[in-house]
Structures are given as structure tokens and as C-alpha cells.
């Protein structure tokens, strides 16, 4: 089974497994490891951690990643042409939220009006009835 390189992750995994196999064939004793923090990073560069991973596990990871990417392309959440499904979801959710806020605002406005009218009637109508 031949696997295509899908990303820098794959090349990092290959370099890691090649290095580990080369190191295991020629053992020269313990090496002084330099900590990742002591090496300077270029501006904007992300730090990397090298992993020693068996070839079977690497093949499994790459296979799963390829299947997952295919799943994402085949589902309705994948952009196709000019159609952006997440943009549509954002627009619909914004409209629903705006409608809900307007309805709640109108309901609160009516409740406040009803409360103010009841308070007015209770206070001032009873005073005018007494006179």
C-alpha cells in the first residue's frame, strides 16, 4: 500500500521514523539532548516536537487522516464552488437571533406598558374616585 504525503505532518513523521531506525542501528551511547526551548525559533515559526512512531502506526494515522479529509469533502459542510455552507449557517443563525431579540424586546415593552397602566389606574383612579 503506497501512501501519498498529505502534509508537513506526514513528512515530519517520515523523518522521525527514518531517524529512529538509523539511530537504533548504530548506538553510540547516551547523547546529550538539547531542550527545544534552548533552540531559537524564527519569528512566526511554530515549535515542533519530533516523535518516534512505528511505520504501522504512521500508516494508520495517514490512512485515517485521508479518510477523514474525504469524509469532510463528501459532506454538505464542504465548500463547493461559490456555495459556502458555514456562511449560510452564520447568516441563518444571525437572522434567528435578531428575530428572537425583537420578539423578546416587543414582549418586554408590552409588559412594561401593561404594568405602568395598571399602576396608574391603581394610584390615580382610586384618588379620583375618593374626591
N, C-alpha and C. Protein backbone atom coordinates (compact mmCIF):
# COMPACT_ATOMS: atom_id res chain seq x y z
N UNK A 1 0.86 -1.17 0.00
CA UNK A 1 0.00 0.00 0.00
C UNK A 1 0.90 1.23 0.00
N UNK A 2 0.74 2.08 -0.99
CA UNK A 2 1.54 3.29 -1.11
C UNK A 2 0.73 4.48 -0.63
N UNK A 3 1.29 5.24 0.30
CA UNK A 3 0.60 6.39 0.87
C UNK A 3 1.20 7.67 0.33
N UNK A 4 0.36 8.59 -0.07
CA UNK A 4 0.83 9.89 -0.55
C UNK A 4 1.06 10.80 0.64
N UNK A 5 2.01 11.71 0.48
CA UNK A 5 2.24 12.70 1.52
C UNK A 5 1.11 13.70 1.48
N UNK A 6 0.45 13.85 2.62
CA UNK A 6 -0.70 14.76 2.66
C UNK A 6 -0.36 16.11 3.24
N UNK A 7 0.71 16.19 4.02
CA UNK A 7 1.01 17.47 4.65
C UNK A 7 2.39 17.43 5.24
N UNK A 8 2.77 18.51 5.87
CA UNK A 8 4.05 18.55 6.55
C UNK A 8 4.07 17.55 7.70
N UNK A 9 2.89 17.20 8.21
CA UNK A 9 2.80 16.21 9.28
C UNK A 9 3.36 14.88 8.79
N UNK A 10 3.01 14.49 7.56
CA UNK A 10 3.50 13.23 7.01
C UNK A 10 5.01 13.25 6.85
N UNK A 11 5.55 14.35 6.34
CA UNK A 11 6.99 14.42 6.16
C UNK A 11 7.70 14.42 7.50
N UNK A 12 7.11 15.06 8.51
CA UNK A 12 7.69 15.05 9.85
C UNK A 12 7.69 13.63 10.41
N UNK A 13 6.61 12.90 10.17
CA UNK A 13 6.53 11.52 10.64
C UNK A 13 7.57 10.66 9.95
N UNK A 14 7.77 10.83 8.63
CA UNK A 14 8.77 10.05 7.91
C UNK A 14 10.16 10.34 8.42
N UNK A 15 10.46 11.62 8.59
CA UNK A 15 11.79 11.99 9.09
C UNK A 15 12.02 11.40 10.46
N UNK A 16 11.01 11.38 11.28
CA UNK A 16 11.13 10.85 12.63
C UNK A 16 11.39 9.35 12.60
N UNK A 17 10.66 8.61 11.77
CA UNK A 17 10.84 7.15 11.73
C UNK A 17 12.17 6.79 11.08
N UNK A 18 12.60 7.56 10.06
CA UNK A 18 13.90 7.29 9.44
C UNK A 18 15.02 7.54 10.44
N UNK A 19 14.94 8.62 11.18
CA UNK A 19 15.96 8.96 12.15
C UNK A 19 16.02 7.90 13.25
N UNK A 20 14.85 7.44 13.71
CA UNK A 20 14.84 6.46 14.80
C UNK A 20 15.43 5.13 14.34
N UNK A 21 15.18 4.73 13.07
CA UNK A 21 15.74 3.48 12.59
C UNK A 21 17.25 3.61 12.40
N UNK A 22 17.72 4.77 11.96
CA UNK A 22 19.16 4.98 11.80
C UNK A 22 19.84 5.02 13.16
N UNK A 23 19.23 5.62 14.13
CA UNK A 23 19.82 5.71 15.47
C UNK A 23 19.84 4.35 16.14
N UNK A 24 18.83 3.53 15.91
CA UNK A 24 18.79 2.24 16.58
C UNK A 24 19.81 1.27 15.99
N UNK A 25 20.19 1.44 14.69
CA UNK A 25 21.15 0.52 14.09
C UNK A 25 22.58 0.83 14.53
N UNK A 26 22.88 2.07 14.84
CA UNK A 26 24.22 2.45 15.29
C UNK A 26 24.07 3.15 16.63
N UNK A 27 24.30 2.43 17.70
CA UNK A 27 24.15 3.01 19.03
C UNK A 27 25.51 3.41 19.54
N UNK A 28 25.68 4.66 19.84
CA UNK A 28 26.96 5.18 20.30
C UNK A 28 26.91 5.63 21.75
N UNK A 29 25.93 5.20 22.49
CA UNK A 29 25.82 5.59 23.88
C UNK A 29 24.87 6.75 24.04
N UNK A 30 24.68 7.20 25.27
CA UNK A 30 23.73 8.28 25.51
C UNK A 30 24.20 9.59 24.89
N UNK A 31 23.25 10.28 24.30
CA UNK A 31 23.54 11.58 23.68
C UNK A 31 22.98 12.67 24.56
N UNK A 32 23.65 13.79 24.55
CA UNK A 32 23.14 14.94 25.28
C UNK A 32 22.07 15.59 24.41
N UNK A 33 20.85 15.61 24.89
CA UNK A 33 19.74 16.19 24.12
C UNK A 33 19.60 17.65 24.47
N UNK A 34 19.44 18.42 23.44
CA UNK A 34 19.22 19.86 23.62
C UNK A 34 17.73 20.07 23.79
N UNK A 35 17.35 20.83 24.80
CA UNK A 35 15.93 21.06 25.02
C UNK A 35 15.37 21.95 23.92
N UNK A 36 14.11 21.74 23.53
CA UNK A 36 13.51 22.55 22.47
C UNK A 36 13.48 24.04 22.80
N UNK A 37 13.44 24.37 24.10
CA UNK A 37 13.38 25.78 24.47
C UNK A 37 14.71 26.48 24.23
N UNK A 38 15.82 25.73 24.22
CA UNK A 38 17.12 26.37 24.08
C UNK A 38 17.44 26.73 22.63
N UNK A 39 16.74 26.11 21.68
CA UNK A 39 16.96 26.44 20.28
C UNK A 39 16.13 27.65 19.90
N UNK A 40 16.74 28.65 19.26
CA UNK A 40 15.96 29.83 18.88
C UNK A 40 15.00 29.51 17.74
N UNK A 41 13.82 30.10 17.80
CA UNK A 41 12.82 29.92 16.75
C UNK A 41 12.78 31.16 15.87
N UNK A 42 12.54 30.94 14.59
CA UNK A 42 12.35 32.07 13.69
C UNK A 42 11.04 32.75 14.04
N UNK A 43 10.95 34.01 13.73
CA UNK A 43 9.73 34.77 14.03
C UNK A 43 8.57 34.16 13.25
N UNK A 44 7.50 33.85 13.94
CA UNK A 44 6.31 33.27 13.31
C UNK A 44 6.38 31.77 13.16
N UNK A 45 7.51 31.15 13.51
CA UNK A 45 7.63 29.70 13.37
C UNK A 45 6.97 29.01 14.55
N UNK A 46 6.41 27.85 14.28
CA UNK A 46 5.79 27.07 15.34
C UNK A 46 6.78 26.02 15.82
N UNK A 47 6.89 25.83 17.12
CA UNK A 47 7.81 24.80 17.62
C UNK A 47 7.32 23.42 17.22
N UNK A 48 8.25 22.51 16.98
CA UNK A 48 7.88 21.15 16.60
C UNK A 48 8.44 20.18 17.62
N UNK A 49 7.75 19.08 17.76
CA UNK A 49 8.18 18.00 18.63
C UNK A 49 8.34 16.78 17.75
N UNK A 50 9.53 16.19 17.77
CA UNK A 50 9.78 15.02 16.95
C UNK A 50 9.35 13.77 17.72
N UNK A 51 8.61 12.91 17.04
CA UNK A 51 8.11 11.69 17.65
C UNK A 51 8.70 10.48 16.95
N UNK A 52 9.03 9.47 17.70
CA UNK A 52 9.43 8.20 17.12
C UNK A 52 8.19 7.32 17.06
N UNK A 53 7.72 7.08 15.84
CA UNK A 53 6.46 6.36 15.64
C UNK A 53 6.73 5.17 14.74
N UNK A 54 6.23 3.99 15.10
CA UNK A 54 6.39 2.83 14.21
C UNK A 54 5.71 3.07 12.86
N UNK A 55 6.24 2.41 11.82
CA UNK A 55 5.72 2.61 10.47
C UNK A 55 4.25 2.23 10.36
N UNK A 56 3.84 1.17 11.06
CA UNK A 56 2.44 0.73 11.00
C UNK A 56 1.52 1.80 11.58
N UNK A 57 1.94 2.40 12.69
CA UNK A 57 1.13 3.45 13.31
C UNK A 57 1.07 4.67 12.40
N UNK A 58 2.20 5.02 11.78
CA UNK A 58 2.23 6.15 10.85
C UNK A 58 1.28 5.90 9.69
N UNK A 59 1.31 4.69 9.14
CA UNK A 59 0.42 4.35 8.03
C UNK A 59 -1.04 4.44 8.47
N UNK A 60 -1.33 4.01 9.69
CA UNK A 60 -2.69 4.08 10.21
C UNK A 60 -3.14 5.53 10.38
N UNK A 61 -2.25 6.37 10.89
CA UNK A 61 -2.58 7.79 11.08
C UNK A 61 -2.85 8.47 9.75
N UNK A 62 -1.96 8.23 8.78
CA UNK A 62 -2.12 8.85 7.46
C UNK A 62 -3.39 8.34 6.79
N UNK A 63 -3.67 7.04 6.91
CA UNK A 63 -4.88 6.47 6.32
C UNK A 63 -6.13 7.09 6.94
N UNK A 64 -6.15 7.19 8.26
CA UNK A 64 -7.31 7.79 8.93
C UNK A 64 -7.47 9.24 8.52
N UNK A 65 -6.36 9.97 8.43
CA UNK A 65 -6.43 11.38 8.04
C UNK A 65 -6.99 11.52 6.62
N UNK A 66 -6.55 10.66 5.71
CA UNK A 66 -7.06 10.70 4.34
C UNK A 66 -8.56 10.38 4.30
N UNK A 67 -8.98 9.37 5.08
CA UNK A 67 -10.41 9.03 5.12
C UNK A 67 -11.23 10.16 5.71
N UNK A 68 -10.71 10.81 6.74
CA UNK A 68 -11.42 11.93 7.37
C UNK A 68 -11.52 13.12 6.41
N UNK A 69 -10.44 13.43 5.70
CA UNK A 69 -10.49 14.52 4.72
C UNK A 69 -11.48 14.21 3.61
N UNK A 70 -11.54 12.95 3.17
CA UNK A 70 -12.52 12.55 2.15
C UNK A 70 -13.94 12.71 2.70
N UNK A 71 -14.16 12.33 3.95
CA UNK A 71 -15.47 12.49 4.58
C UNK A 71 -15.87 13.96 4.60
N UNK A 72 -14.92 14.83 4.98
CA UNK A 72 -15.23 16.26 5.01
C UNK A 72 -15.58 16.79 3.62
N UNK A 73 -14.88 16.30 2.60
CA UNK A 73 -15.19 16.75 1.23
C UNK A 73 -16.55 16.25 0.76
N UNK A 74 -16.94 15.06 1.21
CA UNK A 74 -18.19 14.46 0.75
C UNK A 74 -19.42 14.94 1.51
N UNK A 75 -19.26 15.57 2.65
CA UNK A 75 -20.41 16.02 3.42
C UNK A 75 -20.87 17.38 2.94
N UNK A 76 -22.03 17.77 3.42
CA UNK A 76 -22.61 19.04 2.99
C UNK A 76 -21.94 20.24 3.62
N UNK A 77 -21.00 20.02 4.53
CA UNK A 77 -20.31 21.16 5.16
C UNK A 77 -19.08 21.59 4.38
N UNK A 78 -18.82 20.96 3.25
CA UNK A 78 -17.65 21.31 2.45
C UNK A 78 -18.02 22.35 1.40
N UNK A 79 -17.17 23.35 1.24
CA UNK A 79 -17.44 24.39 0.24
C UNK A 79 -17.34 23.78 -1.15
N UNK A 80 -18.35 24.07 -1.97
CA UNK A 80 -18.34 23.58 -3.34
C UNK A 80 -18.65 24.75 -4.25
N UNK A 81 -17.69 25.13 -5.06
CA UNK A 81 -17.87 26.28 -5.95
C UNK A 81 -18.00 27.55 -5.15
N UNK A 82 -19.08 28.29 -5.41
CA UNK A 82 -19.30 29.55 -4.69
C UNK A 82 -20.16 29.36 -3.45
N UNK A 83 -20.64 28.14 -3.23
CA UNK A 83 -21.51 27.88 -2.08
C UNK A 83 -20.67 27.67 -0.83
N UNK A 84 -20.92 28.48 0.19
CA UNK A 84 -20.22 28.39 1.47
C UNK A 84 -21.23 27.97 2.53
N UNK A 85 -21.27 26.68 2.91
CA UNK A 85 -22.29 26.23 3.87
C UNK A 85 -22.16 26.90 5.23
N UNK A 86 -20.96 27.17 5.69
CA UNK A 86 -20.79 27.80 7.00
C UNK A 86 -21.22 29.26 6.96
N UNK A 87 -21.05 29.92 5.83
CA UNK A 87 -21.56 31.28 5.69
C UNK A 87 -23.07 31.30 5.77
N UNK A 88 -23.70 30.30 5.14
CA UNK A 88 -25.16 30.18 5.19
C UNK A 88 -25.63 29.94 6.62
N UNK A 89 -24.95 29.05 7.33
CA UNK A 89 -25.30 28.78 8.72
C UNK A 89 -25.17 30.05 9.56
N UNK A 90 -24.11 30.81 9.34
CA UNK A 90 -23.91 32.07 10.08
C UNK A 90 -25.04 33.06 9.80
N UNK A 91 -25.41 33.21 8.53
CA UNK A 91 -26.49 34.15 8.17
C UNK A 91 -27.82 33.73 8.79
N UNK A 92 -28.14 32.45 8.70
CA UNK A 92 -29.40 31.96 9.27
C UNK A 92 -29.42 32.16 10.78
N UNK A 93 -28.32 31.83 11.45
CA UNK A 93 -28.29 31.97 12.91
C UNK A 93 -28.38 33.43 13.32
N UNK A 94 -27.76 34.34 12.56
CA UNK A 94 -27.86 35.77 12.87
C UNK A 94 -29.31 36.25 12.72
N UNK A 95 -29.99 35.81 11.66
CA UNK A 95 -31.38 36.21 11.45
C UNK A 95 -32.29 35.66 12.55
N UNK A 96 -32.08 34.40 12.94
CA UNK A 96 -32.89 33.81 14.02
C UNK A 96 -32.66 34.55 15.33
N UNK A 97 -31.42 34.87 15.64
CA UNK A 97 -31.11 35.60 16.87
C UNK A 97 -31.73 36.98 16.85
N UNK A 98 -31.63 37.67 15.71
CA UNK A 98 -32.22 39.01 15.59
C UNK A 98 -33.74 38.96 15.77
N UNK A 99 -34.40 37.98 15.13
CA UNK A 99 -35.85 37.84 15.28
C UNK A 99 -36.23 37.56 16.73
N UNK A 100 -35.49 36.67 17.39
CA UNK A 100 -35.78 36.35 18.78
C UNK A 100 -35.61 37.57 19.67
N UNK A 101 -34.55 38.35 19.45
CA UNK A 101 -34.33 39.56 20.25
C UNK A 101 -35.44 40.59 20.04
N UNK A 102 -35.91 40.74 18.79
CA UNK A 102 -37.01 41.67 18.53
C UNK A 102 -38.29 41.22 19.23
N UNK A 103 -38.58 39.93 19.17
CA UNK A 103 -39.79 39.42 19.82
C UNK A 103 -39.73 39.61 21.33
N UNK A 104 -38.59 39.30 21.93
CA UNK A 104 -38.45 39.47 23.38
C UNK A 104 -38.53 40.94 23.75
N UNK A 105 -37.91 41.80 22.94
CA UNK A 105 -37.98 43.24 23.20
C UNK A 105 -39.40 43.76 23.13
N UNK A 106 -40.16 43.34 22.12
CA UNK A 106 -41.56 43.76 22.00
C UNK A 106 -42.40 43.24 23.16
N UNK A 107 -42.15 42.00 23.57
CA UNK A 107 -42.90 41.44 24.69
C UNK A 107 -42.60 42.20 25.97
N UNK A 108 -41.33 42.52 26.22
CA UNK A 108 -40.98 43.30 27.40
C UNK A 108 -41.59 44.70 27.35
N UNK A 109 -41.64 45.29 26.16
CA UNK A 109 -42.24 46.61 26.00
C UNK A 109 -43.72 46.56 26.38
N UNK A 110 -44.43 45.52 25.90
CA UNK A 110 -45.86 45.39 26.22
C UNK A 110 -46.06 45.12 27.71
N UNK A 111 -45.21 44.31 28.31
CA UNK A 111 -45.33 44.02 29.74
C UNK A 111 -45.12 45.30 30.55
N UNK A 112 -44.12 46.08 30.17
CA UNK A 112 -43.86 47.34 30.89
C UNK A 112 -45.03 48.31 30.73
N UNK A 113 -45.59 48.39 29.50
CA UNK A 113 -46.74 49.26 29.28
C UNK A 113 -47.94 48.82 30.13
N UNK A 114 -48.20 47.52 30.15
CA UNK A 114 -49.31 46.99 30.94
C UNK A 114 -49.09 47.26 32.43
N UNK A 115 -47.88 47.08 32.90
CA UNK A 115 -47.56 47.32 34.31
C UNK A 115 -47.73 48.80 34.65
N UNK A 116 -47.24 49.69 33.79
CA UNK A 116 -47.36 51.13 34.04
C UNK A 116 -48.83 51.55 34.03
N UNK A 117 -49.63 51.01 33.11
CA UNK A 117 -51.05 51.34 33.05
C UNK A 117 -51.78 50.84 34.29
N UNK A 118 -51.47 49.63 34.74
CA UNK A 118 -52.11 49.09 35.95
C UNK A 118 -51.73 49.92 37.17
N UNK A 119 -50.48 50.33 37.26
CA UNK A 119 -50.03 51.16 38.37
C UNK A 119 -50.72 52.51 38.34
N UNK A 120 -50.84 53.12 37.17
CA UNK A 120 -51.52 54.41 37.02
C UNK A 120 -52.98 54.29 37.45
N UNK A 121 -53.64 53.26 36.96
CA UNK A 121 -55.06 53.06 37.31
C UNK A 121 -55.23 52.84 38.80
N UNK A 122 -54.35 52.08 39.40
CA UNK A 122 -54.47 51.79 40.82
C UNK A 122 -54.23 53.03 41.67
N UNK A 123 -53.28 53.84 41.31
CA UNK A 123 -52.93 55.01 42.11
C UNK A 123 -53.87 56.19 41.86
N UNK A 124 -54.09 56.51 40.59
CA UNK A 124 -54.80 57.74 40.28
C UNK A 124 -56.31 57.57 40.14
N UNK A 125 -56.77 56.42 39.73
CA UNK A 125 -58.21 56.20 39.61
C UNK A 125 -58.83 56.12 41.00
N UNK A 126 -58.14 55.50 41.95
CA UNK A 126 -58.68 55.42 43.31
C UNK A 126 -58.70 56.80 43.96
N UNK A 127 -57.75 57.66 43.64
CA UNK A 127 -57.72 59.03 44.18
C UNK A 127 -58.87 59.84 43.60
N UNK A 128 -59.14 59.73 42.31
CA UNK A 128 -60.22 60.49 41.69
C UNK A 128 -61.59 59.97 42.12
N UNK A 129 -61.71 58.70 42.46
CA UNK A 129 -62.97 58.14 42.93
C UNK A 129 -63.29 58.60 44.34
N UNK A 130 -62.25 58.86 45.14
CA UNK A 130 -62.45 59.33 46.51
C UNK A 130 -62.91 60.79 46.54
N UNK A 131 -62.57 61.59 45.59
CA UNK A 131 -62.93 63.01 45.62
C UNK A 131 -64.27 63.29 45.04
